[in-house]
All heavy atoms as atom14 arrays in JSON, in Angstrom:
{
  "sequence": "KAVKDGTDKPVSVKFRLGYTNEELNYVEFGQKMQEAGAEFITIHARTR",
  "atom14_mask": [
    [1, 1, 1, 1, 1, 1, 1, 1, 1, 0, 0, 0, 0, 0],
    [1, 1, 1, 1, 1, 0, 0, 0, 0, 0, 0, 0, 0, 0],
    [1, 1, 1, 1, 1, 1, 1, 0, 0, 0, 0, 0, 0, 0],
    [1, 1, 1, 1, 1, 1, 1, 1, 1, 0, 0, 0, 0, 0],
    [1, 1, 1, 1, 1, 1, 1, 1, 0, 0, 0, 0, 0, 0],
    [1, 1, 1, 1, 0, 0, 0, 0, 0, 0, 0, 0, 0, 0],
    [1, 1, 1, 1, 1, 1, 1, 0, 0, 0, 0, 0, 0, 0],
    [1, 1, 1, 1, 1, 1, 1, 1, 0, 0, 0, 0, 0, 0],
    [1, 1, 1, 1, 1, 1, 1, 1, 1, 0, 0, 0, 0, 0],
    [1, 1, 1, 1, 1, 1, 1, 0, 0, 0, 0, 0, 0, 0],
    [1, 1, 1, 1, 1, 1, 1, 0, 0, 0, 0, 0, 0, 0],
    [1, 1, 1, 1, 1, 1, 0, 0, 0, 0, 0, 0, 0, 0],
    [1, 1, 1, 1, 1, 1, 1, 0, 0, 0, 0, 0, 0, 0],
    [1, 1, 1, 1, 1, 1, 1, 1, 1, 0, 0, 0, 0, 0],
    [1, 1, 1, 1, 1, 1, 1, 1, 1, 1, 1, 0, 0, 0],
    [1, 1, 1, 1, 1, 1, 1, 1, 1, 1, 1, 0, 0, 0],
    [1, 1, 1, 1, 1, 1, 1, 1, 0, 0, 0, 0, 0, 0],
    [1, 1, 1, 1, 0, 0, 0, 0, 0, 0, 0, 0, 0, 0],
    [1, 1, 1, 1, 1, 1, 1, 1, 1, 1, 1, 1, 0, 0],
    [1, 1, 1, 1, 1, 1, 1, 0, 0, 0, 0, 0, 0, 0],
    [1, 1, 1, 1, 1, 1, 1, 1, 0, 0, 0, 0, 0, 0],
    [1, 1, 1, 1, 1, 1, 1, 1, 1, 0, 0, 0, 0, 0],
    [1, 1, 1, 1, 1, 1, 1, 1, 1, 0, 0, 0, 0, 0],
    [1, 1, 1, 1, 1, 1, 1, 1, 0, 0, 0, 0, 0, 0],
    [1, 1, 1, 1, 1, 1, 1, 1, 0, 0, 0, 0, 0, 0],
    [1, 1, 1, 1, 1, 1, 1, 1, 1, 1, 1, 1, 0, 0],
    [1, 1, 1, 1, 1, 1, 1, 0, 0, 0, 0, 0, 0, 0],
    [1, 1, 1, 1, 1, 1, 1, 1, 1, 0, 0, 0, 0, 0],
    [1, 1, 1, 1, 1, 1, 1, 1, 1, 1, 1, 0, 0, 0],
    [1, 1, 1, 1, 0, 0, 0, 0, 0, 0, 0, 0, 0, 0],
    [1, 1, 1, 1, 1, 1, 1, 1, 1, 0, 0, 0, 0, 0],
    [1, 1, 1, 1, 1, 1, 1, 1, 1, 0, 0, 0, 0, 0],
    [1, 1, 1, 1, 1, 1, 1, 1, 0, 0, 0, 0, 0, 0],
    [1, 1, 1, 1, 1, 1, 1, 1, 1, 0, 0, 0, 0, 0],
    [1, 1, 1, 1, 1, 1, 1, 1, 1, 0, 0, 0, 0, 0],
    [1, 1, 1, 1, 1, 0, 0, 0, 0, 0, 0, 0, 0, 0],
    [1, 1, 1, 1, 0, 0, 0, 0, 0, 0, 0, 0, 0, 0],
    [1, 1, 1, 1, 1, 0, 0, 0, 0, 0, 0, 0, 0, 0],
    [1, 1, 1, 1, 1, 1, 1, 1, 1, 0, 0, 0, 0, 0],
    [1, 1, 1, 1, 1, 1, 1, 1, 1, 1, 1, 0, 0, 0],
    [1, 1, 1, 1, 1, 1, 1, 1, 0, 0, 0, 0, 0, 0],
    [1, 1, 1, 1, 1, 1, 1, 0, 0, 0, 0, 0, 0, 0],
    [1, 1, 1, 1, 1, 1, 1, 1, 0, 0, 0, 0, 0, 0],
    [1, 1, 1, 1, 1, 1, 1, 1, 1, 1, 0, 0, 0, 0],
    [1, 1, 1, 1, 1, 0, 0, 0, 0, 0, 0, 0, 0, 0],
    [1, 1, 1, 1, 1, 1, 1, 1, 1, 1, 1, 0, 0, 0],
    [1, 1, 1, 1, 1, 1, 1, 0, 0, 0, 0, 0, 0, 0],
    [1, 1, 1, 1, 1, 1, 1, 1, 1, 1, 1, 0, 0, 0]
  ],
  "atom14_positions": [
    [[59.36, 57.26, -59.64], [60.71, 57.78, -59.87], [60.73, 58.89, -60.87], [61.43, 59.91, -60.7], [61.65, 56.63, -60.28], [61.91, 55.61, -59.18], [62.66, 54.4, -59.74], [62.81, 53.32, -58.67], [63.4, 52.06, -59.23], [0.0, 0.0, 0.0], [0.0, 0.0, 0.0], [0.0, 0.0, 0.0], [0.0, 0.0, 0.0], [0.0, 0.0, 0.0]],
    [[59.95, 58.72, -61.92], [59.94, 59.75, -63.02], [59.31, 61.04, -62.49], [59.83, 62.11, -62.78], [59.11, 59.21, -64.19], [0.0, 0.0, 0.0], [0.0, 0.0, 0.0], [0.0, 0.0, 0.0], [0.0, 0.0, 0.0], [0.0, 0.0, 0.0], [0.0, 0.0, 0.0], [0.0, 0.0, 0.0], [0.0, 0.0, 0.0], [0.0, 0.0, 0.0]],
    [[58.24, 60.9, -61.72], [57.61, 62.14, -61.15], [58.56, 62.83, -60.2], [58.64, 64.05, -60.18], [56.25, 61.77, -60.49], [55.68, 62.96, -59.7], [55.23, 61.28, -61.54], [0.0, 0.0, 0.0], [0.0, 0.0, 0.0], [0.0, 0.0, 0.0], [0.0, 0.0, 0.0], [0.0, 0.0, 0.0], [0.0, 0.0, 0.0], [0.0, 0.0, 0.0]],
    [[59.25, 62.02, -59.4], [60.23, 62.64, -58.48], [61.35, 63.37, -59.2], [61.85, 64.38, -58.77], [60.8, 61.57, -57.56], [59.85, 61.06, -56.48], [60.47, 60.17, -55.47], [61.45, 60.89, -54.56], [60.8, 61.83, -53.6], [0.0, 0.0, 0.0], [0.0, 0.0, 0.0], [0.0, 0.0, 0.0], [0.0, 0.0, 0.0], [0.0, 0.0, 0.0]],
    [[61.7, 62.84, -60.39], [62.69, 63.53, -61.23], [62.22, 64.87, -61.74], [63.03, 65.77, -62.04], [63.1, 62.63, -62.43], [64.01, 61.49, -62.02], [64.58, 61.54, -60.89], [64.11, 60.5, -62.81], [0.0, 0.0, 0.0], [0.0, 0.0, 0.0], [0.0, 0.0, 0.0], [0.0, 0.0, 0.0], [0.0, 0.0, 0.0], [0.0, 0.0, 0.0]],
    [[60.87, 65.04, -61.81], [60.28, 66.22, -62.39], [59.87, 67.26, -61.37], [59.41, 68.37, -61.74], [0.0, 0.0, 0.0], [0.0, 0.0, 0.0], [0.0, 0.0, 0.0], [0.0, 0.0, 0.0], [0.0, 0.0, 0.0], [0.0, 0.0, 0.0], [0.0, 0.0, 0.0], [0.0, 0.0, 0.0], [0.0, 0.0, 0.0], [0.0, 0.0, 0.0]],
    [[60.02, 66.97, -60.08], [59.56, 67.93, -59.07], [60.43, 67.87, -57.8], [61.0, 66.83, -57.51], [58.08, 67.65, -58.67], [57.66, 68.64, -57.74], [57.92, 66.26, -58.06], [0.0, 0.0, 0.0], [0.0, 0.0, 0.0], [0.0, 0.0, 0.0], [0.0, 0.0, 0.0], [0.0, 0.0, 0.0], [0.0, 0.0, 0.0], [0.0, 0.0, 0.0]],
    [[60.44, 68.96, -57.1], [61.1, 68.98, -55.82], [60.05, 68.89, -54.65], [60.39, 69.0, -53.48], [61.98, 70.22, -55.61], [61.21, 71.52, -55.77], [59.96, 71.48, -55.96], [61.85, 72.58, -55.67], [0.0, 0.0, 0.0], [0.0, 0.0, 0.0], [0.0, 0.0, 0.0], [0.0, 0.0, 0.0], [0.0, 0.0, 0.0], [0.0, 0.0, 0.0]],
    [[58.8, 68.69, -55.05], [57.71, 68.56, -54.08], [57.55, 67.09, -53.67], [57.93, 66.18, -54.42], [56.4, 69.08, -54.65], [56.45, 70.49, -55.22], [56.72, 71.52, -54.11], [56.98, 72.91, -54.67], [55.9, 73.48, -55.41], [0.0, 0.0, 0.0], [0.0, 0.0, 0.0], [0.0, 0.0, 0.0], [0.0, 0.0, 0.0], [0.0, 0.0, 0.0]],
    [[56.95, 66.83, -52.47], [56.67, 65.41, -52.11], [55.78, 64.78, -53.15], [54.9, 65.4, -53.74], [55.97, 65.54, -50.75], [56.38, 66.89, -50.24], [56.54, 67.77, -51.45], [0.0, 0.0, 0.0], [0.0, 0.0, 0.0], [0.0, 0.0, 0.0], [0.0, 0.0, 0.0], [0.0, 0.0, 0.0], [0.0, 0.0, 0.0], [0.0, 0.0, 0.0]],
    [[55.98, 63.45, -53.34], [55.2, 62.65, -54.25], [54.4, 61.62, -53.46], [54.94, 60.99, -52.54], [56.07, 61.93, -55.29], [55.26, 61.01, -56.16], [56.81, 62.96, -56.16], [0.0, 0.0, 0.0], [0.0, 0.0, 0.0], [0.0, 0.0, 0.0], [0.0, 0.0, 0.0], [0.0, 0.0, 0.0], [0.0, 0.0, 0.0], [0.0, 0.0, 0.0]],
    [[53.11, 61.51, -53.79], [52.28, 60.55, -53.07], [51.56, 59.64, -54.13], [51.57, 59.96, -55.3], [51.22, 61.26, -52.21], [50.35, 62.02, -53.0], [0.0, 0.0, 0.0], [0.0, 0.0, 0.0], [0.0, 0.0, 0.0], [0.0, 0.0, 0.0], [0.0, 0.0, 0.0], [0.0, 0.0, 0.0], [0.0, 0.0, 0.0], [0.0, 0.0, 0.0]],
    [[50.98, 58.55, -53.65], [50.25, 57.67, -54.55], [48.92, 57.3, -53.9], [48.78, 57.23, -52.66], [50.99, 56.37, -54.86], [52.22, 56.63, -55.71], [51.44, 55.66, -53.57], [0.0, 0.0, 0.0], [0.0, 0.0, 0.0], [0.0, 0.0, 0.0], [0.0, 0.0, 0.0], [0.0, 0.0, 0.0], [0.0, 0.0, 0.0], [0.0, 0.0, 0.0]],
    [[47.91, 57.15, -54.74], [46.59, 56.65, -54.29], [46.27, 55.39, -55.03], [46.32, 55.34, -56.27], [45.51, 57.71, -54.53], [44.15, 57.36, -53.95], [43.15, 58.52, -54.04], [41.89, 58.23, -53.27], [40.96, 57.33, -53.99], [0.0, 0.0, 0.0], [0.0, 0.0, 0.0], [0.0, 0.0, 0.0], [0.0, 0.0, 0.0], [0.0, 0.0, 0.0]],
    [[45.95, 54.33, -54.3], [45.67, 53.06, -54.92], [44.6, 52.33, -54.1], [44.03, 52.86, -53.17], [46.92, 52.21, -55.13], [47.76, 51.96, -53.88], [47.55, 50.84, -53.1], [48.76, 52.85, -53.51], [48.3, 50.61, -51.97], [49.55, 52.62, -52.4], [49.31, 51.47, -51.6], [0.0, 0.0, 0.0], [0.0, 0.0, 0.0], [0.0, 0.0, 0.0]],
    [[44.3, 51.1, -54.53], [43.23, 50.3, -53.89], [43.87, 49.06, -53.26], [45.03, 48.87, -53.21], [42.17, 49.9, -54.94], [41.36, 51.11, -55.34], [40.2, 50.71, -56.3], [39.29, 51.84, -56.46], [37.97, 51.78, -56.35], [37.36, 50.62, -56.07], [37.22, 52.85, -56.52], [0.0, 0.0, 0.0], [0.0, 0.0, 0.0], [0.0, 0.0, 0.0]],
    [[42.96, 48.17, -52.77], [43.41, 46.93, -52.15], [44.03, 46.0, -53.2], [44.87, 45.17, -52.84], [42.25, 46.21, -51.41], [41.61, 46.97, -50.25], [40.43, 46.14, -49.68], [42.63, 47.22, -49.15], [0.0, 0.0, 0.0], [0.0, 0.0, 0.0], [0.0, 0.0, 0.0], [0.0, 0.0, 0.0], [0.0, 0.0, 0.0], [0.0, 0.0, 0.0]],
    [[43.62, 46.12, -54.38], [44.11, 45.26, -55.48], [43.17, 45.36, -56.66], [42.15, 46.11, -56.61], [0.0, 0.0, 0.0], [0.0, 0.0, 0.0], [0.0, 0.0, 0.0], [0.0, 0.0, 0.0], [0.0, 0.0, 0.0], [0.0, 0.0, 0.0], [0.0, 0.0, 0.0], [0.0, 0.0, 0.0], [0.0, 0.0, 0.0], [0.0, 0.0, 0.0]],
    [[43.47, 44.66, -57.69], [42.6, 44.71, -58.91], [41.36, 43.88, -58.74], [40.25, 44.31, -59.06], [43.39, 44.23, -60.11], [42.78, 44.78, -61.44], [43.17, 46.02, -61.92], [41.87, 44.0, -62.17], [42.6, 46.51, -63.13], [41.34, 44.47, -63.35], [41.68, 45.73, -63.82], [41.15, 46.2, -64.99], [0.0, 0.0, 0.0], [0.0, 0.0, 0.0]],
    [[41.52, 42.68, -58.2], [40.39, 41.84, -57.87], [40.62, 41.3, -56.44], [41.67, 41.5, -55.82], [40.27, 40.62, -58.79], [41.4, 39.77, -58.58], [40.21, 41.08, -60.27], [0.0, 0.0, 0.0], [0.0, 0.0, 0.0], [0.0, 0.0, 0.0], [0.0, 0.0, 0.0], [0.0, 0.0, 0.0], [0.0, 0.0, 0.0], [0.0, 0.0, 0.0]],
    [[39.61, 40.57, -55.94], [39.74, 40.02, -54.6], [40.8, 38.91, -54.53], [41.3, 38.6, -53.47], [38.37, 39.44, -54.13], [38.26, 39.44, -52.6], [38.63, 40.39, -51.97], [37.74, 38.36, -52.04], [0.0, 0.0, 0.0], [0.0, 0.0, 0.0], [0.0, 0.0, 0.0], [0.0, 0.0, 0.0], [0.0, 0.0, 0.0], [0.0, 0.0, 0.0]],
    [[41.15, 38.37, -55.71], [42.23, 37.35, -55.73], [43.58, 37.97, -55.93], [44.59, 37.28, -55.95], [41.95, 36.39, -56.95], [40.74, 35.44, -56.75], [39.41, 36.2, -56.81], [39.25, 37.04, -57.73], [38.55, 35.91, -55.98], [0.0, 0.0, 0.0], [0.0, 0.0, 0.0], [0.0, 0.0, 0.0], [0.0, 0.0, 0.0], [0.0, 0.0, 0.0]],
    [[43.65, 39.31, -56.07], [44.9, 40.04, -56.34], [45.09, 41.13, -55.29], [45.36, 42.27, -55.65], [44.91, 40.62, -57.72], [44.74, 39.63, -58.86], [44.51, 40.31, -60.18], [45.48, 40.7, -60.86], [43.32, 40.47, -60.55], [0.0, 0.0, 0.0], [0.0, 0.0, 0.0], [0.0, 0.0, 0.0], [0.0, 0.0, 0.0], [0.0, 0.0, 0.0]],
    [[44.98, 40.78, -54.01], [45.13, 41.77, -52.96], [46.61, 42.0, -52.64], [47.17, 41.46, -51.69], [44.41, 41.29, -51.66], [42.88, 41.08, -51.81], [42.29, 40.62, -50.47], [42.18, 42.34, -52.27], [0.0, 0.0, 0.0], [0.0, 0.0, 0.0], [0.0, 0.0, 0.0], [0.0, 0.0, 0.0], [0.0, 0.0, 0.0], [0.0, 0.0, 0.0]],
    [[47.25, 42.81, -53.48], [48.67, 43.04, -53.41], [49.04, 44.4, -52.8], [50.11, 44.92, -53.0], [49.31, 42.9, -54.78], [48.8, 43.91, -55.8], [47.67, 44.41, -55.67], [49.63, 44.28, -56.73], [0.0, 0.0, 0.0], [0.0, 0.0, 0.0], [0.0, 0.0, 0.0], [0.0, 0.0, 0.0], [0.0, 0.0, 0.0], [0.0, 0.0, 0.0]],
    [[48.07, 44.99, -52.07], [48.23, 46.39, -51.6], [49.41, 46.56, -50.64], [50.02, 47.61, -50.66], [46.93, 46.89, -51.0], [46.5, 46.18, -49.73], [46.69, 46.77, -48.48], [45.86, 44.94, -49.8], [46.29, 46.12, -47.33], [45.45, 44.29, -48.63], [45.67, 44.9, -47.4], [45.24, 44.27, -46.24], [0.0, 0.0, 0.0], [0.0, 0.0, 0.0]],
    [[49.71, 45.54, -49.87], [50.82, 45.7, -48.89], [52.13, 45.74, -49.65], [52.95, 46.68, -49.48], [50.83, 44.61, -47.83], [52.08, 44.69, -46.94], [49.58, 44.63, -46.98], [0.0, 0.0, 0.0], [0.0, 0.0, 0.0], [0.0, 0.0, 0.0], [0.0, 0.0, 0.0], [0.0, 0.0, 0.0], [0.0, 0.0, 0.0], [0.0, 0.0, 0.0]],
    [[52.39, 44.75, -50.51], [53.61, 44.71, -51.29], [53.72, 45.93, -52.21], [54.78, 46.49, -52.42], [53.67, 43.41, -52.11], [53.67, 42.15, -51.27], [52.3, 41.67, -50.88], [51.3, 42.38, -51.21], [52.21, 40.62, -50.22], [0.0, 0.0, 0.0], [0.0, 0.0, 0.0], [0.0, 0.0, 0.0], [0.0, 0.0, 0.0], [0.0, 0.0, 0.0]],
    [[52.54, 46.3, -52.77], [52.53, 47.45, -53.72], [52.91, 48.73, -52.94], [53.71, 49.55, -53.44], [51.14, 47.55, -54.3], [51.04, 48.54, -55.45], [51.38, 48.17, -56.75], [50.58, 49.84, -55.27], [51.31, 49.04, -57.8], [50.51, 50.73, -56.31], [50.88, 50.32, -57.6], [0.0, 0.0, 0.0], [0.0, 0.0, 0.0], [0.0, 0.0, 0.0]],
    [[52.33, 48.91, -51.76], [52.67, 50.08, -50.95], [54.13, 50.14, -50.59], [54.76, 51.22, -50.62], [0.0, 0.0, 0.0], [0.0, 0.0, 0.0], [0.0, 0.0, 0.0], [0.0, 0.0, 0.0], [0.0, 0.0, 0.0], [0.0, 0.0, 0.0], [0.0, 0.0, 0.0], [0.0, 0.0, 0.0], [0.0, 0.0, 0.0], [0.0, 0.0, 0.0]],
    [[54.7, 48.98, -50.25], [56.13, 48.93, -49.93], [56.98, 49.31, -51.12], [57.95, 50.05, -51.0], [56.49, 47.5, -49.45], [55.94, 47.14, -48.09], [56.18, 45.69, -47.72], [56.06, 44.78, -48.58], [56.5, 45.46, -46.47], [0.0, 0.0, 0.0], [0.0, 0.0, 0.0], [0.0, 0.0, 0.0], [0.0, 0.0, 0.0], [0.0, 0.0, 0.0]],
    [[56.58, 48.86, -52.27], [57.31, 49.16, -53.52], [57.23, 50.64, -53.83], [58.21, 51.25, -54.31], [56.8, 48.32, -54.68], [57.73, 48.28, -55.88], [57.37, 47.17, -56.81], [58.42, 46.97, -57.9], [59.72, 46.51, -57.37], [0.0, 0.0, 0.0], [0.0, 0.0, 0.0], [0.0, 0.0, 0.0], [0.0, 0.0, 0.0], [0.0, 0.0, 0.0]],
    [[56.08, 51.24, -53.63], [55.93, 52.7, -53.87], [56.8, 53.49, -52.91], [57.44, 54.47, -53.3], [54.45, 53.11, -53.72], [53.49, 52.47, -54.74], [54.0, 52.66, -56.49], [54.76, 51.03, -56.74], [0.0, 0.0, 0.0], [0.0, 0.0, 0.0], [0.0, 0.0, 0.0], [0.0, 0.0, 0.0], [0.0, 0.0, 0.0], [0.0, 0.0, 0.0]],
    [[56.89, 53.05, -51.68], [57.75, 53.7, -50.71], [59.21, 53.6, -51.12], [59.98, 54.55, -51.08], [57.55, 53.08, -49.31], [58.5, 53.66, -48.27], [58.29, 53.02, -46.89], [57.24, 53.19, -46.27], [59.3, 52.33, -46.39], [0.0, 0.0, 0.0], [0.0, 0.0, 0.0], [0.0, 0.0, 0.0], [0.0, 0.0, 0.0], [0.0, 0.0, 0.0]],
    [[59.6, 52.39, -51.54], [60.98, 52.2, -52.0], [61.31, 53.08, -53.21], [62.47, 53.53, -53.35], [61.18, 50.71, -52.37], [61.2, 49.76, -51.22], [61.09, 48.32, -51.61], [61.17, 48.03, -52.85], [60.86, 47.46, -50.72], [0.0, 0.0, 0.0], [0.0, 0.0, 0.0], [0.0, 0.0, 0.0], [0.0, 0.0, 0.0], [0.0, 0.0, 0.0]],
    [[60.32, 53.34, -54.03], [60.56, 54.17, -55.22], [60.66, 55.62, -54.89], [61.09, 56.45, -55.71], [59.41, 53.95, -56.25], [0.0, 0.0, 0.0], [0.0, 0.0, 0.0], [0.0, 0.0, 0.0], [0.0, 0.0, 0.0], [0.0, 0.0, 0.0], [0.0, 0.0, 0.0], [0.0, 0.0, 0.0], [0.0, 0.0, 0.0], [0.0, 0.0, 0.0]],
    [[60.2, 56.01, -53.66], [60.35, 57.39, -53.22], [59.05, 58.09, -52.84], [59.09, 59.27, -52.49], [0.0, 0.0, 0.0], [0.0, 0.0, 0.0], [0.0, 0.0, 0.0], [0.0, 0.0, 0.0], [0.0, 0.0, 0.0], [0.0, 0.0, 0.0], [0.0, 0.0, 0.0], [0.0, 0.0, 0.0], [0.0, 0.0, 0.0], [0.0, 0.0, 0.0]],
    [[57.92, 57.38, -52.85], [56.68, 57.99, -52.42], [56.79, 58.31, -50.93], [57.31, 57.51, -50.15], [55.51, 57.05, -52.67], [0.0, 0.0, 0.0], [0.0, 0.0, 0.0], [0.0, 0.0, 0.0], [0.0, 0.0, 0.0], [0.0, 0.0, 0.0], [0.0, 0.0, 0.0], [0.0, 0.0, 0.0], [0.0, 0.0, 0.0], [0.0, 0.0, 0.0]],
    [[56.23, 59.49, -50.57], [56.3, 59.95, -49.15], [54.97, 59.89, -48.43], [54.86, 60.2, -47.25], [56.87, 61.34, -49.12], [58.3, 61.47, -49.61], [58.78, 62.89, -49.63], [58.72, 63.57, -48.56], [59.24, 63.33, -50.67], [0.0, 0.0, 0.0], [0.0, 0.0, 0.0], [0.0, 0.0, 0.0], [0.0, 0.0, 0.0], [0.0, 0.0, 0.0]],
    [[53.9, 59.48, -49.15], [52.58, 59.53, -48.61], [51.67, 58.61, -49.39], [51.81, 58.54, -50.64], [52.11, 61.01, -48.66], [50.7, 61.28, -48.15], [50.26, 60.8, -46.94], [49.84, 62.07, -48.89], [48.99, 61.09, -46.44], [48.56, 62.38, -48.43], [48.14, 61.89, -47.2], [0.0, 0.0, 0.0], [0.0, 0.0, 0.0], [0.0, 0.0, 0.0]],
    [[50.75, 57.9, -48.72], [49.84, 56.96, -49.4], [48.41, 57.3, -49.0], [48.13, 57.55, -47.82], [50.16, 55.51, -48.98], [51.44, 55.01, -49.64], [49.01, 54.6, -49.31], [51.94, 53.66, -49.11], [0.0, 0.0, 0.0], [0.0, 0.0, 0.0], [0.0, 0.0, 0.0], [0.0, 0.0, 0.0], [0.0, 0.0, 0.0], [0.0, 0.0, 0.0]],
    [[47.5, 57.23, -49.98], [46.05, 57.19, -49.68], [45.56, 55.88, -50.31], [45.84, 55.59, -51.48], [45.31, 58.41, -50.33], [45.88, 59.61, -49.86], [43.86, 58.34, -49.96], [0.0, 0.0, 0.0], [0.0, 0.0, 0.0], [0.0, 0.0, 0.0], [0.0, 0.0, 0.0], [0.0, 0.0, 0.0], [0.0, 0.0, 0.0], [0.0, 0.0, 0.0]],
    [[44.84, 55.11, -49.53], [44.33, 53.83, -50.06], [42.81, 53.75, -49.92], [42.27, 53.94, -48.83], [45.02, 52.66, -49.37], [44.44, 51.3, -49.89], [44.94, 52.71, -47.83], [45.26, 50.07, -49.55], [0.0, 0.0, 0.0], [0.0, 0.0, 0.0], [0.0, 0.0, 0.0], [0.0, 0.0, 0.0], [0.0, 0.0, 0.0], [0.0, 0.0, 0.0]],
    [[42.16, 53.45, -51.04], [40.73, 53.21, -51.04], [40.52, 51.75, -50.75], [41.04, 50.87, -51.43], [40.14, 53.54, -52.42], [38.66, 53.46, -52.48], [37.88, 54.5, -52.96], [37.81, 52.51, -52.13], [36.6, 54.15, -52.87], [36.54, 52.95, -52.39], [0.0, 0.0, 0.0], [0.0, 0.0, 0.0], [0.0, 0.0, 0.0], [0.0, 0.0, 0.0]],
    [[39.73, 51.49, -49.69], [39.65, 50.12, -49.15], [38.63, 49.25, -49.94], [37.79, 48.55, -49.33], [39.28, 50.17, -47.7], [0.0, 0.0, 0.0], [0.0, 0.0, 0.0], [0.0, 0.0, 0.0], [0.0, 0.0, 0.0], [0.0, 0.0, 0.0], [0.0, 0.0, 0.0], [0.0, 0.0, 0.0], [0.0, 0.0, 0.0], [0.0, 0.0, 0.0]],
    [[38.74, 49.26, -51.24], [38.0, 48.38, -52.14], [38.95, 47.93, -53.22], [39.97, 48.51, -53.44], [36.81, 49.11, -52.79], [35.62, 49.37, -51.89], [34.51, 50.01, -52.72], [33.27, 50.18, -52.01], [32.98, 51.24, -51.25], [33.83, 52.23, -51.14], [31.84, 51.32, -50.6], [0.0, 0.0, 0.0], [0.0, 0.0, 0.0], [0.0, 0.0, 0.0]],
    [[38.55, 46.86, -53.94], [39.31, 46.44, -55.13], [38.76, 47.18, -56.36], [37.69, 47.76, -56.32], [39.15, 44.91, -55.39], [37.77, 44.64, -55.62], [39.63, 44.14, -54.13], [0.0, 0.0, 0.0], [0.0, 0.0, 0.0], [0.0, 0.0, 0.0], [0.0, 0.0, 0.0], [0.0, 0.0, 0.0], [0.0, 0.0, 0.0], [0.0, 0.0, 0.0]],
    [[39.48, 47.05, -57.46], [39.01, 47.64, -58.7], [37.68, 46.96, -59.11], [36.78, 47.59, -59.56], [40.07, 47.52, -59.8], [39.68, 48.21, -61.08], [38.94, 47.34, -62.1], [38.26, 48.16, -63.09], [37.6, 47.72, -64.12], [37.55, 46.39, -64.35], [36.98, 48.49, -64.95], [0.0, 0.0, 0.0], [0.0, 0.0, 0.0], [0.0, 0.0, 0.0]]
  ]
}
């Protein structure tokens, strides 16, 4: 939201499947980023 306040350009996010294999929250996280205003996602298919 803060980045969107600072630009009129599209905002995207890049994230992973989760922090650990027990924290695979990428689906919910992606939905939350979309709700916040992200228009594009890149996802690395590994955990941190």
